PDB file of N, CA and C in Angstrom:
ATOM      1  N   MET A   1     -57.668-188.873 -46.305  1.00  0.00           N
ATOM      2  CA  MET A   1     -56.155-188.702 -45.939  1.00  0.00           C
ATOM      3  C   MET A   1     -55.929-187.657 -44.778  1.00  0.00           C
ATOM      4  N   ALA A   2     -55.296-187.891 -43.807  1.00  0.00           N
ATOM      5  CA  ALA A   2     -55.145-187.078 -42.736  1.00  0.00           C
ATOM      6  C   ALA A   2     -54.184-185.775 -43.151  1.00  0.00           C
ATOM      7  N   ASN A   3     -54.584-184.553 -42.826  1.00  0.00           N
ATOM      8  CA  ASN A   3     -53.802-183.404 -42.783  1.00  0.00           C
ATOM      9  C   ASN A   3     -52.396-183.826 -42.057  1.00  0.00           C
ATOM     10  N   ARG A   4     -51.165-183.191 -42.975  1.00  0.00           N
ATOM     11  CA  ARG A   4     -49.893-183.441 -42.170  1.00  0.00           C
ATOM     12  C   ARG A   4     -49.552-182.004 -41.632  1.00  0.00           C
ATOM     13  N   ILE A   5     -48.875-182.010 -40.497  1.00  0.00           N
ATOM     14  CA  ILE A   5     -48.282-181.023 -39.682  1.00  0.00           C
ATOM     15  C   ILE A   5     -47.187-181.134 -39.458  1.00  0.00           C
ATOM     16  N   LEU A   6     -46.166-180.237 -39.801  1.00  0.00           N
ATOM     17  CA  LEU A   6     -44.611-180.202 -39.243  1.00  0.00           C
ATOM     18  C   LEU A   6     -44.661-179.484 -38.050  1.00  0.00           C
ATOM     19  N   TYR A   7     -44.039-180.270 -37.258  1.00  0.00           N
ATOM     20  CA  TYR A   7     -43.913-179.643 -35.797  1.00  0.00           C
ATOM     21  C   TYR A   7     -42.164-178.967 -35.498  1.00  0.00           C
ATOM     22  N   VAL A   8     -41.774-177.881 -35.570  1.00  0.00           N
ATOM     23  CA  VAL A   8     -40.403-177.650 -35.346  1.00  0.00           C
ATOM     24  C   VAL A   8     -40.276-177.406 -34.036  1.00  0.00           C
ATOM     25  N   GLU A   9     -39.740-178.254 -33.360  1.00  0.00           N
ATOM     26  CA  GLU A   9     -39.536-177.864 -31.831  1.00  0.00           C
ATOM     27  C   GLU A   9     -38.146-178.653 -31.267  1.00  0.00           C
ATOM     28  N   ASP A  10     -37.618-178.098 -30.399  1.00  0.00           N
ATOM     29  CA  ASP A  10     -36.510-178.827 -29.829  1.00  0.00           C
ATOM     30  C   ASP A  10     -36.793-179.392 -28.647  1.00  0.00           C
ATOM     31  N   ASN A  11     -37.935-179.083 -27.864  1.00  0.00           N
ATOM     32  CA  ASN A  11     -38.067-179.454 -26.489  1.00  0.00           C
ATOM     33  C   ASN A  11     -39.018-180.953 -26.557  1.00  0.00           C
ATOM     34  N   PHE A  12     -38.254-182.081 -26.311  1.00  0.00           N
ATOM     35  CA  PHE A  12     -38.897-183.104 -26.156  1.00  0.00           C
ATOM     36  C   PHE A  12     -40.278-183.316 -25.407  1.00  0.00           C
ATOM     37  N   GLN A  13     -40.382-182.527 -24.238  1.00  0.00           N
ATOM     38  CA  GLN A  13     -41.773-182.776 -23.729  1.00  0.00           C
ATOM     39  C   GLN A  13     -42.914-182.050 -24.391  1.00  0.00           C
ATOM     40  N   ASN A  14     -42.405-180.840 -25.198  1.00  0.00           N
ATOM     41  CA  ASN A  14     -43.530-180.097 -25.828  1.00  0.00           C
ATOM     42  C   ASN A  14     -43.751-180.873 -27.002  1.00  0.00           C
ATOM     43  N   LYS A  15     -42.936-181.411 -27.735  1.00  0.00           N
ATOM     44  CA  LYS A  15     -43.019-182.348 -29.010  1.00  0.00           C
ATOM     45  C   LYS A  15     -44.102-183.432 -28.478  1.00  0.00           C
ATOM     46  N   ARG A  16     -43.795-184.213 -27.418  1.00  0.00           N
ATOM     47  CA  ARG A  16     -44.495-185.182 -27.043  1.00  0.00           C
ATOM     48  C   ARG A  16     -46.039-184.878 -26.623  1.00  0.00           C
ATOM     49  N   LEU A  17     -46.150-183.705 -26.135  1.00  0.00           N
ATOM     50  CA  LEU A  17     -47.676-183.028 -25.878  1.00  0.00           C
ATOM     51  C   LEU A  17     -48.332-182.862 -26.966  1.00  0.00           C
ATOM     52  N   VAL A  18     -47.557-181.949 -27.904  1.00  0.00           N
ATOM     53  CA  VAL A  18     -48.418-181.442 -29.313  1.00  0.00           C
ATOM     54  C   VAL A  18     -48.713-182.739 -29.845  1.00  0.00           C
ATOM     55  N   ARG A  19     -48.000-183.650 -30.247  1.00  0.00           N
ATOM     56  CA  ARG A  19     -47.946-185.055 -31.071  1.00  0.00           C
ATOM     57  C   ARG A  19     -49.094-185.698 -30.558  1.00  0.00           C
ATOM     58  N   LYS A  20     -49.473-185.749 -29.164  1.00  0.00           N
ATOM     59  CA  LYS A  20     -50.411-186.600 -28.327  1.00  0.00           C
ATOM     60  C   LYS A  20     -51.680-185.909 -28.711  1.00  0.00           C
ATOM     61  N   ILE A  21     -51.902-184.473 -28.747  1.00  0.00           N
ATOM     62  CA  ILE A  21     -52.981-183.539 -28.872  1.00  0.00           C
ATOM     63  C   ILE A  21     -53.355-183.715 -30.470  1.00  0.00           C
ATOM     64  N   LEU A  22     -52.485-183.721 -31.530  1.00  0.00           N
ATOM     65  CA  LEU A  22     -52.715-183.593 -32.819  1.00  0.00           C
ATOM     66  C   LEU A  22     -53.064-185.012 -33.296  1.00  0.00           C
ATOM     67  N   THR A  23     -52.495-186.218 -33.076  1.00  0.00           N
ATOM     68  CA  THR A  23     -52.690-187.393 -33.382  1.00  0.00           C
ATOM     69  C   THR A  23     -53.966-187.853 -32.803  1.00  0.00           C
ATOM     70  N   ALA A  24     -54.415-187.502 -31.545  1.00  0.00           N
ATOM     71  CA  ALA A  24     -55.738-187.882 -31.398  1.00  0.00           C
ATOM     72  C   ALA A  24     -56.886-187.275 -32.031  1.00  0.00           C
ATOM     73  N   LYS A  25     -56.496-186.006 -32.638  1.00  0.00           N
ATOM     74  CA  LYS A  25     -57.555-185.337 -33.554  1.00  0.00           C
ATOM     75  C   LYS A  25     -57.559-185.908 -34.989  1.00  0.00           C
ATOM     76  N   GLY A  26     -56.598-186.717 -35.195  1.00  0.00           N
ATOM     77  CA  GLY A  26     -56.502-187.147 -36.329  1.00  0.00           C
ATOM     78  C   GLY A  26     -55.534-187.002 -37.300  1.00  0.00           C
ATOM     79  N   PHE A  27     -54.662-185.895 -36.786  1.00  0.00           N
ATOM     80  CA  PHE A  27     -53.595-185.384 -37.714  1.00  0.00           C
ATOM     81  C   PHE A  27     -52.449-186.288 -37.843  1.00  0.00           C
ATOM     82  N   GLU A  28     -51.560-186.093 -38.813  1.00  0.00           N
ATOM     83  CA  GLU A  28     -50.532-186.780 -39.233  1.00  0.00           C
ATOM     84  C   GLU A  28     -49.506-185.846 -38.552  1.00  0.00           C
ATOM     85  N   VAL A  29     -48.545-186.279 -37.661  1.00  0.00           N
ATOM     86  CA  VAL A  29     -47.488-185.291 -37.195  1.00  0.00           C
ATOM     87  C   VAL A  29     -46.035-185.716 -37.644  1.00  0.00           C
ATOM     88  N   ILE A  30     -45.251-184.715 -38.477  1.00  0.00           N
ATOM     89  CA  ILE A  30     -43.787-184.932 -38.605  1.00  0.00           C
ATOM     90  C   ILE A  30     -43.029-183.914 -37.784  1.00  0.00           C
ATOM     91  N   GLU A  31     -41.877-184.198 -37.537  1.00  0.00           N
ATOM     92  CA  GLU A  31     -41.284-183.508 -36.620  1.00  0.00           C
ATOM     93  C   GLU A  31     -39.810-182.849 -36.848  1.00  0.00           C
ATOM     94  N   ALA A  32     -39.076-181.976 -36.733  1.00  0.00           N
ATOM     95  CA  ALA A  32     -38.027-181.468 -36.744  1.00  0.00           C
ATOM     96  C   ALA A  32     -37.405-181.063 -35.698  1.00  0.00           C
ATOM     97  N   ASP A  33     -36.158-181.184 -35.258  1.00  0.00           N
ATOM     98  CA  ASP A  33     -35.472-180.554 -33.964  1.00  0.00           C
ATOM     99  C   ASP A  33     -34.837-179.358 -33.943  1.00  0.00           C
ATOM    100  N   ASP A  34     -34.677-178.571 -35.114  1.00  0.00           N
ATOM    101  CA  ASP A  34     -34.058-177.388 -35.317  1.00  0.00           C
ATOM    102  C   ASP A  34     -34.660-176.706 -36.613  1.00  0.00           C
ATOM    103  N   GLY A  35     -34.278-175.479 -36.664  1.00  0.00           N
ATOM    104  CA  GLY A  35     -34.607-174.641 -37.619  1.00  0.00           C
ATOM    105  C   GLY A  35     -34.269-175.140 -39.358  1.00  0.00           C
ATOM    106  N   LEU A  36     -33.047-175.523 -39.373  1.00  0.00           N
ATOM    107  CA  LEU A  36     -32.436-176.070 -40.499  1.00  0.00           C
ATOM    108  C   LEU A  36     -33.292-177.200 -41.057  1.00  0.00           C
ATOM    109  N   THR A  37     -33.212-178.001 -40.051  1.00  0.00           N
ATOM    110  CA  THR A  37     -33.988-179.428 -40.288  1.00  0.00           C
ATOM    111  C   THR A  37     -35.700-178.866 -40.662  1.00  0.00           C
ATOM    112  N   GLY A  38     -36.286-178.178 -40.058  1.00  0.00           N
ATOM    113  CA  GLY A  38     -37.597-177.617 -40.320  1.00  0.00           C
ATOM    114  C   GLY A  38     -37.668-177.117 -41.980  1.00  0.00           C
ATOM    115  N   VAL A  39     -36.789-176.438 -42.218  1.00  0.00           N
ATOM    116  CA  VAL A  39     -36.936-175.737 -43.308  1.00  0.00           C
ATOM    117  C   VAL A  39     -36.574-176.902 -44.582  1.00  0.00           C
ATOM    118  N   GLU A  40     -35.546-177.982 -44.096  1.00  0.00           N
ATOM    119  CA  GLU A  40     -35.590-179.011 -45.098  1.00  0.00           C
ATOM    120  C   GLU A  40     -36.875-179.575 -45.269  1.00  0.00           C
ATOM    121  N   MET A  41     -37.449-180.002 -44.186  1.00  0.00           N
ATOM    122  CA  MET A  41     -38.457-180.930 -44.043  1.00  0.00           C
ATOM    123  C   MET A  41     -39.695-180.268 -44.727  1.00  0.00           C
ATOM    124  N   ALA A  42     -39.819-179.099 -44.517  1.00  0.00           N
ATOM    125  CA  ALA A  42     -40.855-178.264 -45.221  1.00  0.00           C
ATOM    126  C   ALA A  42     -40.964-178.321 -46.704  1.00  0.00           C
ATOM    127  N   THR A  43     -39.686-178.196 -47.349  1.00  0.00           N
ATOM    128  CA  THR A  43     -39.262-178.088 -48.793  1.00  0.00           C
ATOM    129  C   THR A  43     -39.566-179.367 -49.272  1.00  0.00           C
ATOM    130  N   THR A  44     -39.225-180.564 -48.438  1.00  0.00           N
ATOM    131  CA  THR A  44     -39.036-181.988 -49.083  1.00  0.00           C
ATOM    132  C   THR A  44     -40.615-182.571 -48.739  1.00  0.00           C
ATOM    133  N   GLU A  45     -41.124-182.551 -47.592  1.00  0.00           N
ATOM    134  CA  GLU A  45     -42.487-182.914 -47.384  1.00  0.00           C
ATOM    135  C   GLU A  45     -43.766-182.220 -47.412  1.00  0.00           C
ATOM    136  N   HIS A  46     -43.599-181.161 -47.659  1.00  0.00           N
ATOM    137  CA  HIS A  46     -44.814-180.274 -47.916  1.00  0.00           C
ATOM    138  C   HIS A  46     -46.050-180.524 -47.215  1.00  0.00           C
ATOM    139  N   PRO A  47     -45.816-180.116 -45.973  1.00  0.00           N
ATOM    140  CA  PRO A  47     -46.879-180.466 -44.856  1.00  0.00           C
ATOM    141  C   PRO A  47     -48.284-179.262 -45.181  1.00  0.00           C
ATOM    142  N   ASP A  48     -49.198-179.691 -44.580  1.00  0.00           N
ATOM    143  CA  ASP A  48     -50.517-178.738 -44.908  1.00  0.00           C
ATOM    144  C   ASP A  48     -50.298-177.799 -43.979  1.00  0.00           C
ATOM    145  N   LEU A  49     -49.375-177.852 -42.933  1.00  0.00           N
ATOM    146  CA  LEU A  49     -49.210-176.519 -41.741  1.00  0.00           C
ATOM    147  C   LEU A  49     -48.111-176.759 -41.115  1.00  0.00           C
ATOM    148  N   ILE A  50     -47.586-175.878 -40.653  1.00  0.00           N
ATOM    149  CA  ILE A  50     -46.268-175.889 -39.770  1.00  0.00           C
ATOM    150  C   ILE A  50     -46.509-175.244 -38.423  1.00  0.00           C
ATOM    151  N   LEU A  51     -46.182-175.806 -37.441  1.00  0.00           N
ATOM    152  CA  LEU A  51     -46.107-175.092 -36.079  1.00  0.00           C
ATOM    153  C   LEU A  51     -44.528-174.962 -35.898  1.00  0.00           C
ATOM    154  N   MET A  52     -44.130-173.772 -35.583  1.00  0.00           N
ATOM    155  CA  MET A  52     -42.723-173.274 -35.502  1.00  0.00           C
ATOM    156  C   MET A  52     -42.562-172.854 -34.246  1.00  0.00           C
ATOM    157  N   ASP A  53     -41.700-173.406 -33.593  1.00  0.00           N
ATOM    158  CA  ASP A  53     -41.122-172.928 -32.291  1.00  0.00           C
ATOM    159  C   ASP A  53     -40.358-171.772 -32.576  1.00  0.00           C
ATOM    160  N   ILE A  54     -40.251-170.618 -31.765  1.00  0.00           N
ATOM    161  CA  ILE A  54     -38.932-169.507 -32.115  1.00  0.00           C
ATOM    162  C   ILE A  54     -37.908-169.695 -31.743  1.00  0.00           C
ATOM    163  N   SER A  55     -37.825-170.162 -30.485  1.00  0.00           N
ATOM    164  CA  SER A  55     -36.546-170.366 -29.923  1.00  0.00           C
ATOM    165  C   SER A  55     -35.916-171.930 -30.296  1.00  0.00           C
ATOM    166  N   LEU A  56     -35.036-172.008 -31.253  1.00  0.00           N
ATOM    167  CA  LEU A  56     -34.498-173.104 -31.848  1.00  0.00           C
ATOM    168  C   LEU A  56     -33.114-172.898 -31.956  1.00  0.00           C
ATOM    169  N   PRO A  57     -32.494-174.215 -31.963  1.00  0.00           N
ATOM    170  CA  PRO A  57     -30.735-174.122 -32.090  1.00  0.00           C
ATOM    171  C   PRO A  57     -30.444-174.037 -33.500  1.00  0.00           C
ATOM    172  N   GLY A  58     -29.522-173.629 -33.904  1.00  0.00           N
ATOM    173  CA  GLY A  58     -29.183-173.087 -35.191  1.00  0.00           C
ATOM    174  C   GLY A  58     -29.587-171.693 -35.615  1.00  0.00           C
ATOM    175  N   ILE A  59     -30.521-171.862 -36.855  1.00  0.00           N
ATOM    176  CA  ILE A  59     -31.177-170.572 -36.798  1.00  0.00           C
ATOM    177  C   ILE A  59     -32.740-170.812 -36.280  1.00  0.00           C
ATOM    178  N   ASP A  60     -32.939-169.583 -35.746  1.00  0.00           N
ATOM    179  CA  ASP A  60     -34.388-169.489 -34.889  1.00  0.00           C
ATOM    180  C   ASP A  60     -35.566-169.668 -35.878  1.00  0.00           C
ATOM    181  N   GLY A  61     -36.655-169.650 -35.130  1.00  0.00           N
ATOM    182  CA  GLY A  61     -37.972-169.820 -36.050  1.00  0.00           C
ATOM    183  C   GLY A  61     -38.485-168.671 -36.746  1.00  0.00           C
ATOM    184  N   VAL A  62     -37.625-167.677 -36.693  1.00  0.00           N
ATOM    185  CA  VAL A  62     -37.798-166.361 -37.339  1.00  0.00           C
ATOM    186  C   VAL A  62     -37.334-166.416 -38.570  1.00  0.00           C
ATOM    187  N   GLU A  63     -35.872-166.972 -38.632  1.00  0.00           N
ATOM    188  CA  GLU A  63     -35.116-167.260 -39.898  1.00  0.00           C
ATOM    189  C   GLU A  63     -35.731-168.418 -40.777  1.00  0.00           C
ATOM    190  N   ALA A  64     -36.011-169.461 -40.060  1.00  0.00           N
ATOM    191  CA  ALA A  64     -36.659-170.413 -40.453  1.00  0.00           C
ATOM    192  C   ALA A  64     -37.844-170.364 -41.482  1.00  0.00           C
ATOM    193  N   THR A  65     -38.714-169.817 -40.503  1.00  0.00           N
ATOM    194  CA  THR A  65     -40.056-169.155 -41.353  1.00  0.00           C
ATOM    195  C   THR A  65     -39.691-168.400 -42.657  1.00  0.00           C
ATOM    196  N   GLN A  66     -38.887-167.250 -42.526  1.00  0.00           N
ATOM    197  CA  GLN A  66     -38.405-166.311 -43.786  1.00  0.00           C
ATOM    198  C   GLN A  66     -38.055-167.211 -44.802  1.00  0.00           C
ATOM    199  N   ARG A  67     -37.183-168.303 -44.608  1.00  0.00           N
ATOM    200  CA  ARG A  67     -36.595-169.130 -45.475  1.00  0.00           C
ATOM    201  C   ARG A  67     -37.625-170.018 -46.034  1.00  0.00           C
ATOM    202  N   ILE A  68     -38.631-170.722 -45.362  1.00  0.00           N
ATOM    203  CA  ILE A  68     -39.817-171.415 -45.969  1.00  0.00           C
ATOM    204  C   ILE A  68     -40.615-170.516 -46.844  1.00  0.00           C
ATOM    205  N   LYS A  69     -41.096-169.424 -46.331  1.00  0.00           N
ATOM    206  CA  LYS A  69     -41.800-168.624 -47.174  1.00  0.00           C
ATOM    207  C   LYS A  69     -41.021-167.959 -48.544  1.00  0.00           C
ATOM    208  N   ALA A  70     -39.790-168.205 -48.502  1.00  0.00           N
ATOM    209  CA  ALA A  70     -39.091-167.574 -49.516  1.00  0.00           C
ATOM    210  C   ALA A  70     -39.213-168.677 -50.721  1.00  0.00           C
ATOM    211  N   TYR A  71     -39.479-169.932 -50.732  1.00  0.00           N
ATOM    212  CA  TYR A  71     -39.252-170.646 -51.573  1.00  0.00           C
ATOM    213  C   TYR A  71     -40.801-170.828 -52.437  1.00  0.00           C
ATOM    214  N   GLU A  72     -41.013-170.687 -53.594  1.00  0.00           N
ATOM    215  CA  GLU A  72     -42.201-170.764 -54.312  1.00  0.00           C
ATOM    216  C   GLU A  72     -43.068-172.061 -53.964  1.00  0.00           C
ATOM    217  N   ASP A  73     -42.528-173.118 -53.684  1.00  0.00           N
ATOM    218  CA  ASP A  73     -43.201-174.415 -53.415  1.00  0.00           C
ATOM    219  C   ASP A  73     -43.810-174.355 -52.073  1.00  0.00           C
ATOM    220  N   THR A  74     -43.366-173.279 -50.951  1.00  0.00           N
ATOM    221  CA  THR A  74     -43.573-173.555 -49.719  1.00  0.00           C
ATOM    222  C   THR A  74     -44.442-172.359 -49.058  1.00  0.00           C
ATOM    223  N   THR A  75     -44.178-171.381 -49.857  1.00  0.00           N
ATOM    224  CA  THR A  75     -44.873-170.195 -49.458  1.00  0.00           C
ATOM    225  C   THR A  75     -46.237-169.833 -48.964  1.00  0.00           C
ATOM    226  N   THR A  76     -47.000-170.890 -49.394  1.00  0.00           N
ATOM    227  CA  THR A  76     -48.508-170.684 -49.108  1.00  0.00           C
ATOM    228  C   THR A  76     -48.938-171.374 -47.921  1.00  0.00           C
ATOM    229  N   ILE A  77     -48.030-172.282 -47.216  1.00  0.00           N
ATOM    230  CA  ILE A  77     -48.205-173.159 -46.232  1.00  0.00           C
ATOM    231  C   ILE A  77     -48.224-172.398 -44.960  1.00  0.00           C
ATOM    232  N   PRO A  78     -49.457-172.615 -44.319  1.00  0.00           N
ATOM    233  CA  PRO A  78     -49.412-171.855 -43.175  1.00  0.00           C
ATOM    234  C   PRO A  78     -48.743-172.027 -42.063  1.00  0.00           C
ATOM    235  N   ILE A  79     -48.212-171.036 -41.121  1.00  0.00           N
ATOM    236  CA  ILE A  79     -46.949-171.126 -40.145  1.00  0.00           C
ATOM    237  C   ILE A  79     -47.583-170.547 -39.146  1.00  0.00           C
ATOM    238  N   ILE A  80     -47.650-171.298 -37.835  1.00  0.00           N
ATOM    239  CA  ILE A  80     -48.233-170.931 -36.748  1.00  0.00           C
ATOM    240  C   ILE A  80     -46.933-170.734 -35.828  1.00  0.00           C
ATOM    241  N   ALA A  81     -46.704-169.381 -35.314  1.00  0.00           N
ATOM    242  CA  ALA A  81     -45.642-169.296 -34.332  1.00  0.00           C
ATOM    243  C   ALA A  81     -45.897-169.971 -33.033  1.00  0.00           C
ATOM    244  N   LEU A  82     -44.988-170.552 -32.233  1.00  0.00           N
ATOM    245  CA  LEU A  82     -45.261-170.917 -30.821  1.00  0.00           C
ATOM    246  C   LEU A  82     -43.965-170.259 -30.056  1.00  0.00           C
ATOM    247  N   THR A  83     -44.274-169.481 -28.989  1.00  0.00           N
ATOM    248  CA  THR A  83     -42.972-169.245 -28.103  1.00  0.00           C
ATOM    249  C   THR A  83     -43.681-168.988 -26.628  1.00  0.00           C
ATOM    250  N   ALA A  84     -42.703-169.518 -25.701  1.00  0.00           N
ATOM    251  CA  ALA A  84     -42.734-169.250 -24.362  1.00  0.00           C
ATOM    252  C   ALA A  84     -42.383-167.660 -23.952  1.00  0.00           C
ATOM    253  N   ASN A  85     -41.590-167.091 -24.961  1.00  0.00           N
ATOM    254  CA  ASN A  85     -41.071-165.744 -24.466  1.00  0.00           C
ATOM    255  C   ASN A  85     -42.004-164.811 -25.226  1.00  0.00           C
ATOM    256  N   ALA A  86     -42.887-164.612 -24.927  1.00  0.00           N
ATOM    257  CA  ALA A  86     -44.096-163.823 -25.372  1.00  0.00           C
ATOM    258  C   ALA A  86     -43.748-162.561 -24.900  1.00  0.00           C
ATOM    259  N   MET A  87     -43.541-161.488 -25.732  1.00  0.00           N
ATOM    260  CA  MET A  87     -42.860-160.198 -25.106  1.00  0.00           C
ATOM    261  C   MET A  87     -44.001-159.306 -26.106  1.00  0.00           C
ATOM    262  N   ARG A  88     -43.985-158.052 -25.730  1.00  0.00           N
ATOM    263  CA  ARG A  88     -44.939-157.067 -26.129  1.00  0.00           C
ATOM    264  C   ARG A  88     -44.393-156.722 -27.666  1.00  0.00           C
ATOM    265  N   GLY A  89     -44.917-156.758 -28.819  1.00  0.00           N
ATOM    266  CA  GLY A  89     -44.499-156.429 -30.172  1.00  0.00           C
ATOM    267  C   GLY A  89     -44.180-157.888 -31.002  1.00  0.00           C
ATOM    268  N   ASP A  90     -43.912-158.996 -30.140  1.00  0.00           N
ATOM    269  CA  ASP A  90     -43.358-160.256 -30.738  1.00  0.00           C
ATOM    270  C   ASP A  90     -44.433-160.690 -31.790  1.00  0.00           C
ATOM    271  N   ARG A  91     -45.680-160.622 -31.481  1.00  0.00           N
ATOM    272  CA  ARG A  91     -46.821-161.146 -32.658  1.00  0.00           C
ATOM    273  C   ARG A  91     -46.494-160.343 -34.005  1.00  0.00           C
ATOM    274  N   GLU A  92     -46.416-159.115 -33.603  1.00  0.00           N
ATOM    275  CA  GLU A  92     -46.304-158.191 -34.963  1.00  0.00           C
ATOM    276  C   GLU A  92     -44.709-158.547 -35.618  1.00  0.00           C
ATOM    277  N   ARG A  93     -43.634-159.110 -34.929  1.00  0.00           N
ATOM    278  CA  ARG A  93     -42.446-159.535 -35.318  1.00  0.00           C
ATOM    279  C   ARG A  93     -42.773-160.906 -36.130  1.00  0.00           C
ATOM    280  N   PHE A  94     -43.309-161.787 -35.486  1.00  0.00           N
ATOM    281  CA  PHE A  94     -43.465-163.026 -36.142  1.00  0.00           C
ATOM    282  C   PHE A  94     -44.487-163.042 -37.357  1.00  0.00           C
ATOM    283  N   ILE A  95     -45.539-162.191 -37.486  1.00  0.00           N
ATOM    284  CA  ILE A  95     -46.266-162.001 -38.544  1.00  0.00           C
ATOM    285  C   ILE A  95     -45.356-161.311 -39.756  1.00  0.00           C
ATOM    286  N   ALA A  96     -44.710-160.312 -39.523  1.00  0.00           N
ATOM    287  CA  ALA A  96     -43.635-159.628 -40.202  1.00  0.00           C
ATOM    288  C   ALA A  96     -42.718-160.683 -41.088  1.00  0.00           C
ATOM    289  N   ALA A  97     -42.296-161.650 -40.109  1.00  0.00           N
ATOM    290  CA  ALA A  97     -41.354-162.656 -40.680  1.00  0.00           C
ATOM    291  C   ALA A  97     -42.130-163.612 -41.629  1.00  0.00           C
ATOM    292  N   GLY A  98     -43.286-163.637 -41.765  1.00  0.00           N
ATOM    293  CA  GLY A  98     -43.898-164.568 -42.543  1.00  0.00           C
ATOM    294  C   GLY A  98     -44.753-165.462 -41.793  1.00  0.00           C
ATOM    295  N   CYS A  99     -44.935-165.483 -40.421  1.00  0.00           N
ATOM    296  CA  CYS A  99     -45.957-166.485 -39.803  1.00  0.00           C
ATOM    297  C   CYS A  99     -47.317-165.860 -40.100  1.00  0.00           C
ATOM    298  N   ASP A 100     -48.143-166.880 -40.165  1.00  0.00           N
ATOM    299  CA  ASP A 100     -49.510-166.518 -40.536  1.00  0.00           C
ATOM    300  C   ASP A 100     -50.411-166.336 -39.271  1.00  0.00           C
ATOM    301  N   ASP A 101     -49.747-166.955 -37.974  1.00  0.00           N
ATOM    302  CA  ASP A 101     -50.552-166.629 -36.727  1.00  0.00           C
ATOM    303  C   ASP A 101     -49.499-166.905 -35.822  1.00  0.00           C
ATOM    304  N   TYR A 102     -50.029-166.851 -34.558  1.00  0.00           N
ATOM    305  CA  TYR A 102     -49.276-166.993 -33.282  1.00  0.00           C
ATOM    306  C   TYR A 102     -49.830-167.641 -31.963  1.00  0.00           C
ATOM    307  N   LEU A 103     -49.265-168.487 -31.361  1.00  0.00           N
ATOM    308  CA  LEU A 103     -49.977-168.999 -30.097  1.00  0.00           C
ATOM    309  C   LEU A 103     -48.909-169.028 -29.008  1.00  0.00           C
ATOM    310  N   PRO A 104     -49.084-168.454 -27.875  1.00  0.00           N
ATOM    311  CA  PRO A 104     -48.221-168.472 -26.821  1.00  0.00           C
ATOM    312  C   PRO A 104     -48.135-169.793 -26.067  1.00  0.00           C
ATOM    313  N   LYS A 105     -46.938-170.040 -25.556  1.00  0.00           N
ATOM    314  CA  LYS A 105     -46.900-171.356 -24.627  1.00  0.00           C
ATOM    315  C   LYS A 105     -47.284-170.733 -23.119  1.00  0.00           C
ATOM    316  N   PRO A 106     -47.500-171.726 -22.266  1.00  0.00           N
ATOM    317  CA  PRO A 106     -48.059-172.993 -22.741  1.00  0.00           C
ATOM    318  C   PRO A 106     -48.876-172.918 -23.411  1.00  0.00           C
ATOM    319  N   ILE A 107     -49.164-174.167 -24.077  1.00  0.00           N
ATOM    320  CA  ILE A 107     -50.479-174.072 -25.171  1.00  0.00           C
ATOM    321  C   ILE A 107     -51.607-174.636 -24.456  1.00  0.00           C
ATOM    322  N   SER A 108     -52.782-174.029 -25.051  1.00  0.00           N
ATOM    323  CA  SER A 108     -54.074-174.265 -24.718  1.00  0.00           C
ATOM    324  C   SER A 108     -54.602-175.467 -25.837  1.00  0.00           C
ATOM    325  N   THR A 109     -55.021-176.699 -25.392  1.00  0.00           N
ATOM    326  CA  THR A 109     -55.398-177.387 -26.537  1.00  0.00           C
ATOM    327  C   THR A 109     -56.453-177.149 -27.443  1.00  0.00           C
ATOM    328  N   GLY A 110     -57.282-176.299 -26.647  1.00  0.00           N
ATOM    329  CA  GLY A 110     -58.415-175.951 -27.478  1.00  0.00           C
ATOM    330  C   GLY A 110     -58.062-174.887 -28.438  1.00  0.00           C
ATOM    331  N   ASP A 111     -57.136-173.877 -27.800  1.00  0.00           N
ATOM    332  CA  ASP A 111     -56.911-172.713 -28.787  1.00  0.00           C
ATOM    333  C   ASP A 111     -55.882-173.409 -30.203  1.00  0.00           C
ATOM    334  N   LEU A 112     -55.145-174.425 -29.514  1.00  0.00           N
ATOM    335  CA  LEU A 112     -54.197-174.969 -30.666  1.00  0.00           C
ATOM    336  C   LEU A 112     -55.200-175.735 -31.830  1.00  0.00           C
ATOM    337  N   ILE A 113     -55.948-176.576 -31.357  1.00  0.00           N
ATOM    338  CA  ILE A 113     -57.080-177.205 -32.390  1.00  0.00           C
ATOM    339  C   ILE A 113     -57.832-176.099 -33.132  1.00  0.00           C
ATOM    340  N   ASN A 114     -58.358-175.004 -32.576  1.00  0.00           N
ATOM    341  CA  ASN A 114     -59.065-174.133 -33.056  1.00  0.00           C
ATOM    342  C   ASN A 114     -58.569-173.370 -34.095  1.00  0.00           C
ATOM    343  N   MET A 115     -57.077-172.945 -34.083  1.00  0.00           N
ATOM    344  CA  MET A 115     -56.255-172.315 -34.821  1.00  0.00           C
ATOM    345  C   MET A 115     -55.803-173.217 -35.951  1.00  0.00           C
ATOM    346  N   ILE A 116     -55.530-174.488 -35.657  1.00  0.00           N
ATOM    347  CA  ILE A 116     -55.274-175.357 -36.962  1.00  0.00           C
ATOM    348  C   ILE A 116     -56.410-175.482 -37.707  1.00  0.00           C
ATOM    349  N   ASN A 117     -57.768-175.589 -37.106  1.00  0.00           N
ATOM    350  CA  ASN A 117     -58.974-176.012 -37.854  1.00  0.00           C
ATOM    351  C   ASN A 117     -59.244-174.619 -38.493  1.00  0.00           C
ATOM    352  N   ARG A 118     -58.930-173.365 -38.120  1.00  0.00           N
ATOM    353  CA  ARG A 118     -59.181-172.137 -38.929  1.00  0.00           C
ATOM    354  C   ARG A 118     -58.282-172.265 -40.300  1.00  0.00           C
ATOM    355  N   TYR A 119     -57.300-172.858 -40.183  1.00  0.00           N
ATOM    356  CA  TYR A 119     -56.361-172.791 -41.360  1.00  0.00           C
ATOM    357  C   TYR A 119     -56.460-174.074 -42.258  1.00  0.00           C
ATOM    358  N   LEU A 120     -56.788-175.474 -41.760  1.00  0.00           N
ATOM    359  CA  LEU A 120     -56.925-176.331 -42.683  1.00  0.00           C
ATOM    360  C   LEU A 120     -58.500-176.595 -42.803  1.00  0.00           C
ATOM    361  N   GLY A 121     -59.208-175.841 -42.391  1.00  0.00           N
ATOM    362  CA  GLY A 121     -60.654-176.095 -42.428  1.00  0.00           C
ATOM    363  C   GLY A 121     -61.207-177.262 -41.549  1.00  0.00           C
TER     364      GLY A 121
END
């Protein structure tokens, strides 16, 4: 059975690229277009890992991560923050919010797969 990855991202091009990379590696990808939907899907779908964009409509990725990590059923799901707005201190802020790791955009295919494999074995 393929590992399921929830990708929370509002940009169509980013979703298409990541979906293509992940499905080619045998992962099942489910998607949410905003933070609230991401929280809902995390709690109902229980993915094996979450890729969380930080700049999202509605609630941002930091708030969505905090909400997901607050639920007992989803607190152990690894969340990898993805953002193009990489600033000094962002990694620490994302980790403090509950993200397990961080990747800057544009995403390197190798870095993405290596990080996912680190969390999913």
